[in-house]
Protein backbone atom coordinates (compact mmCIF):
# COMPACT_ATOMS: atom_id res chain seq x y z
CA MET A 1 -15.65 15.81 79.25
CA LYS A 2 -12.03 15.33 78.24
CA GLN A 3 -13.08 14.76 74.63
CA ILE A 4 -15.06 18.02 74.55
CA LEU A 5 -12.14 19.94 76.05
CA LEU A 6 -9.73 18.39 73.51
CA ALA A 7 -12.08 19.27 70.65
CA VAL A 8 -12.29 22.90 71.84
CA VAL A 9 -8.50 23.17 72.17
CA ALA A 10 -7.94 21.58 68.74
CA GLY A 11 -10.53 23.85 67.14
CA THR A 12 -8.97 26.95 68.70
CA ALA A 13 -5.50 25.91 67.51
CA ALA A 14 -6.79 25.24 63.98
CA PHE A 15 -8.53 28.64 63.88
CA GLY A 16 -5.36 30.38 65.13
CA ALA A 17 -3.30 28.71 62.41
CA SER A 18 -5.74 29.56 59.63
CA ALA A 19 -6.23 33.18 60.74
CA ALA A 20 -2.57 34.22 60.85
CA ASP A 21 -1.56 37.80 60.15
CA GLY A 22 0.24 38.57 56.91
CA THR A 23 3.34 40.71 57.38
CA PHE A 24 5.52 43.07 55.35
CA ALA A 25 8.62 45.11 56.14
CA ALA A 26 7.42 48.71 55.84
CA SER A 27 10.67 50.34 54.77
CA ASN A 28 12.14 51.98 51.68
CA VAL A 29 15.44 50.18 52.21
CA ILE A 30 14.82 47.11 50.05
CA GLY A 31 17.46 44.40 49.86
CA GLY A 32 20.08 46.90 51.03
CA VAL A 33 19.09 49.40 48.30
CA ARG A 34 17.82 52.76 49.54
CA GLN A 35 14.83 54.14 47.64
CA TYR A 36 15.08 57.75 48.85
CA VAL A 37 12.23 60.24 48.74
CA TYR A 38 13.41 63.61 47.37
CA ASN A 39 12.04 67.15 47.39
CA PRO A 40 11.70 69.00 44.05
CA ASP A 41 15.01 70.81 44.74
CA GLY A 42 16.87 67.46 44.92
CA SER A 43 17.29 67.38 48.70
CA LYS A 44 16.05 64.37 50.67
CA LEU A 45 12.72 64.79 52.48
CA SER A 46 13.55 65.90 56.03
CA VAL A 47 13.34 63.44 58.88
CA SER A 48 11.28 65.98 60.84
CA LEU A 49 8.76 66.56 58.02
CA GLY A 50 8.41 63.25 56.20
CA ALA A 51 5.38 61.05 56.87
CA VAL A 52 4.17 57.77 55.37
CA GLU A 53 1.04 55.63 55.56
CA PHE A 54 0.31 52.14 54.26
CA LEU A 55 -3.15 51.27 52.98
CA TYR A 56 -4.77 47.93 52.30
CA ASN A 57 -8.30 47.70 50.86
CA GLY A 58 -8.73 51.45 51.32
CA GLY A 59 -7.92 51.45 55.05
CA VAL A 60 -4.73 52.42 56.86
CA VAL A 61 -2.82 49.41 58.26
CA GLY A 62 -0.28 49.25 61.04
CA GLN A 63 -0.20 52.07 63.55
CA GLY A 64 -1.29 54.74 61.08
CA THR A 65 1.11 57.53 60.17
CA TYR A 66 4.87 56.96 60.51
CA ARG A 67 7.64 59.55 60.55
CA PHE A 68 10.88 59.24 58.64
CA LEU A 69 13.87 57.82 60.55
CA LYS A 70 16.50 59.54 58.43
CA ASP A 71 16.31 62.17 55.68
CA GLY A 72 14.60 60.51 52.72
CA LEU A 73 14.19 57.13 54.46
CA PHE A 74 11.35 55.58 56.43
CA SER A 75 10.94 52.34 58.32
CA ALA A 76 7.83 51.33 60.20
CA GLY A 77 9.18 47.93 61.16
CA THR A 78 6.94 44.96 60.45
CA VAL A 79 3.32 45.80 59.67
CA ALA A 80 0.67 43.09 60.01
CA ILE A 81 -2.56 42.65 58.08
CA PRO A 82 -5.03 40.39 59.91
CA ASP A 83 -5.91 37.02 58.36
CA GLN A 84 -3.79 37.52 55.21
CA ALA A 85 -0.70 35.36 55.86
CA GLY A 86 0.93 34.18 52.64
CA LYS A 87 -1.61 35.95 50.43
CA THR A 88 -0.75 38.28 47.55
CA VAL A 89 -2.14 41.76 48.22
CA ASP A 90 -1.86 45.34 46.98
CA ILE A 91 -0.39 47.82 49.46
CA THR A 92 -0.67 51.54 48.69
CA ILE A 93 2.06 53.81 50.05
CA GLU A 94 1.33 57.50 50.66
CA VAL A 95 4.24 59.86 51.42
CA TRP A 96 3.94 63.58 52.19
CA ASP A 97 5.44 66.57 53.96
CA LYS A 98 3.60 66.96 57.30
CA THR A 99 3.91 70.74 57.06
CA TYR A 100 0.76 70.57 54.92
CA GLY A 101 -1.31 68.27 57.13
CA GLU A 102 -1.31 65.43 59.62
CA THR A 103 -2.75 63.03 57.02
CA TYR A 104 -2.21 62.58 53.31
CA GLU A 105 -5.86 63.44 52.63
CA ILE A 106 -5.55 66.78 54.45
CA ALA A 107 -2.24 67.62 52.76
CA ALA A 108 -3.72 66.80 49.34
CA THR A 109 -6.31 69.57 49.76
CA LYS A 110 -3.66 72.27 50.31
CA PRO A 111 -2.38 74.39 47.43
CA PHE A 112 1.26 73.62 46.61
CA ALA A 113 1.47 70.72 49.09
CA LEU A 114 4.46 68.40 48.82
CA LEU A 115 3.07 64.94 48.05
CA LEU A 116 4.44 61.80 46.47
CA LEU A 117 1.90 60.22 44.15
CA PRO A 118 0.49 57.17 45.94
CA GLN A 119 2.33 54.05 44.84
CA THR A 120 0.70 50.64 44.86
CA VAL A 121 2.89 47.57 45.20
CA THR A 122 1.78 43.96 44.88
CA ILE A 123 3.48 41.67 47.37
CA THR A 124 3.03 38.20 48.82
CA LEU A 125 2.84 38.69 52.55
CA GLY A 126 4.91 36.72 55.02
CA GLY A 127 3.57 35.17 58.18
CA ALA A 128 2.36 31.84 56.77
CA GLY A 129 3.72 28.52 57.99
CA SER A 130 5.27 27.26 61.18
CA PRO A 131 7.48 29.02 62.14
CA PRO A 132 5.97 32.08 60.45
CA ALA A 133 7.68 33.21 57.27
CA THR A 134 9.64 36.45 57.42
CA ALA A 135 7.92 39.67 56.44
CA ALA A 136 7.77 40.46 52.72
CA SER A 137 9.55 43.60 51.50
CA LEU A 138 8.07 46.48 49.50
CA THR A 139 9.94 45.43 46.35
CA GLY A 140 7.73 47.51 44.02
CA PHE A 141 8.32 50.82 45.84
CA THR A 142 10.48 53.12 43.73
CA GLY A 143 10.89 56.14 45.98
CA GLY A 144 10.68 59.31 43.99
CA THR A 145 10.63 63.06 43.93
CA LEU A 146 7.96 64.90 45.84
CA TYR A 147 6.02 67.24 43.65
CA PHE A 148 3.95 70.35 44.16
CA ALA A 149 0.28 69.41 43.98
CA ASN A 150 -1.03 72.56 42.35
CA VAL A 151 -4.58 72.52 43.62
CA PRO A 152 -6.36 75.56 42.17
CA GLU A 153 -8.12 77.79 44.67
CA PRO A 154 -11.82 78.53 44.10
CA SER A 155 -11.05 82.18 43.33
CA GLY A 156 -8.65 81.08 40.58
CA ILE A 157 -11.32 78.86 39.04
CA ALA A 158 -13.84 81.72 39.23
CA LEU A 159 -11.42 84.11 37.46
CA ALA A 160 -10.77 81.53 34.73
CA ALA A 161 -14.51 81.04 34.22
CA LEU A 162 -15.05 84.82 34.09
CA GLY A 163 -12.29 85.17 31.49
CA LEU A 164 -13.72 82.39 29.33
CA GLY A 165 -17.18 83.93 29.64
CA GLY A 166 -15.77 87.29 28.53
CA LEU A 167 -14.08 85.72 25.52
CA PHE A 168 -17.33 83.98 24.57
CA PHE A 169 -19.28 87.23 24.94
CA VAL A 170 -16.79 89.20 22.77
CA SER A 171 -16.77 86.51 20.09
CA ARG A 172 -20.60 86.45 19.98
CA ARG A 173 -20.80 90.23 19.52
CA LYS A 174 -18.67 90.11 16.36
């Protein structure tokens, strides 16, 4: 009986060690350098309006959407990705002004929304080893200027199509 119990305990410990979470420091302060996020007018994105999400394999990781801690700066602490300790992965960072929507996807559908183009960084996650390695930093994140995502409204597209049709019709008559 003791041998069975020891085997179960050893197997559980081995599984726990092999299935460790990979970690990264979800912040745009990298090695003491601040990678601010700016509005088109040059001001830093407001602490009350800035939002950020981190995606891995198409899904949001961590606790979902994070707010900015200071104008232009965000920090979500340490974010874990299950079973990826020490692995090299691509993390996509989405930043937007929450005035236009609670999620990046919603904001991206709004005309003139303030969005930062999603940035993908390749990092080797921490968390491997005993004791676990420290969280990796988002070294590939460059910050940037938010831009106006000029999403044309359907009526604008219809007017453009009508104008092109009119030009075609006039040119065919001549």
